[in-house]
Amino acid sequence: MSPSRRRQCIDHVRQALGVSERRACRTLGQHRSTQRKVTRGRPDEARLTADIIELARRYGRYGYRPITALLKQSGWQVNLKRVERI
């Protein structure tokens, strides 16, 4: 479940039952710190994901390391861990 979806669930429980954020998080088994931090996506995330999918489709069983090398050859400045995460 995405972080924004979890936040929506907590907000719904708070409004529907009239309970505190602390109690709603405890009931749903979620850390309260996840409610405070607003996730920010990178502006190029969708294009990078599309390029990774295209390379994976073209080269089949390549892992994240060869895909990262191909991305760097095509001009992306991307970290190995970011490609692995996506």
Protein backbone atom coordinates (compact mmCIF):
# COMPACT_ATOMS: atom_id res chain seq x y z
CA MET A 1 0.00 0.00 0.00
CA SER A 2 1.39 3.41 -0.94
CA PRO A 3 2.19 5.97 1.77
CA SER A 4 -0.50 8.35 0.56
CA ARG A 5 -3.07 5.54 0.67
CA ARG A 6 -2.04 4.71 4.25
CA ARG A 7 -2.42 8.35 5.19
CA GLN A 8 -5.92 8.34 3.69
CA CYS A 9 -6.83 5.25 5.72
CA ILE A 10 -5.65 6.86 8.95
CA ASP A 11 -7.55 10.07 8.14
CA HIS A 12 -10.70 8.07 7.36
CA VAL A 13 -10.50 6.15 10.65
CA ARG A 14 -9.93 9.39 12.57
CA GLN A 15 -12.95 11.09 11.01
CA ALA A 16 -15.28 8.08 11.11
CA LEU A 17 -14.56 7.10 14.70
CA GLY A 18 -13.50 10.44 16.10
CA VAL A 19 -10.26 9.08 17.55
CA SER A 20 -6.81 10.60 17.79
CA GLU A 21 -4.07 10.05 15.24
CA ARG A 22 -2.13 8.09 17.85
CA ARG A 23 -4.99 5.69 18.50
CA ALA A 24 -5.81 5.26 14.79
CA CYS A 25 -2.17 4.46 13.98
CA ARG A 26 -1.90 2.02 16.88
CA THR A 27 -5.11 0.27 15.83
CA LEU A 28 -4.00 -0.08 12.20
CA GLY A 29 -0.46 -1.09 13.16
CA GLN A 30 1.25 1.85 11.54
CA HIS A 31 4.01 4.06 12.92
CA ARG A 32 2.94 7.63 13.57
CA SER A 33 6.09 8.98 11.93
CA THR A 34 4.75 7.82 8.57
CA GLN A 35 1.89 10.30 8.99
CA ARG A 36 4.17 13.27 9.37
CA LYS A 37 6.53 12.88 6.44
CA VAL A 38 5.11 13.85 3.07
CA THR A 39 6.73 11.79 0.34
CA ARG A 40 8.03 13.71 -2.63
CA GLY A 41 8.48 11.94 -5.90
CA ARG A 42 11.15 12.95 -8.35
CA PRO A 43 9.99 14.71 -11.49
CA ASP A 44 11.77 12.24 -13.79
CA GLU A 45 10.58 9.08 -11.99
CA ALA A 46 7.95 8.15 -14.60
CA ARG A 47 10.37 8.57 -17.52
CA LEU A 48 13.07 6.57 -15.74
CA THR A 49 10.63 3.78 -14.91
CA ALA A 50 9.47 3.68 -18.53
CA ASP A 51 13.09 3.47 -19.75
CA ILE A 52 13.89 0.70 -17.27
CA ILE A 53 10.84 -1.29 -18.38
CA GLU A 54 11.76 -0.82 -22.03
CA LEU A 55 15.34 -1.98 -21.44
CA ALA A 56 14.14 -4.95 -19.38
CA ARG A 57 11.72 -5.87 -22.17
CA ARG A 58 14.42 -5.55 -24.82
CA TYR A 59 17.19 -7.38 -22.94
CA GLY A 60 15.14 -9.96 -21.09
CA ARG A 61 16.93 -11.33 -18.09
CA TYR A 62 19.32 -8.44 -17.46
CA GLY A 63 19.50 -7.49 -13.82
CA TYR A 64 19.66 -4.04 -12.28
CA ARG A 65 23.43 -3.69 -12.71
CA PRO A 66 23.50 -4.12 -16.52
CA ILE A 67 20.33 -2.03 -16.81
CA THR A 68 22.04 0.73 -14.79
CA ALA A 69 25.04 0.59 -17.12
CA LEU A 70 22.78 0.87 -20.17
CA LEU A 71 20.94 3.81 -18.62
CA LYS A 72 24.22 5.59 -17.91
CA GLN A 73 25.34 5.01 -21.52
CA SER A 74 22.13 6.62 -22.73
CA GLY A 75 22.72 9.74 -20.60
CA TRP A 76 20.87 9.09 -17.34
CA GLN A 77 22.66 10.07 -14.14
CA VAL A 78 21.24 7.31 -12.01
CA ASN A 79 22.35 5.45 -8.92
CA LEU A 80 22.53 1.66 -8.87
CA LYS A 81 20.36 1.51 -5.75
CA ARG A 82 17.67 3.67 -7.33
CA VAL A 83 17.42 1.34 -10.35
CA GLU A 84 17.26 -1.67 -8.03
CA ARG A 85 14.48 -0.04 -6.01
CA ILE A 86 12.41 0.76 -9.11
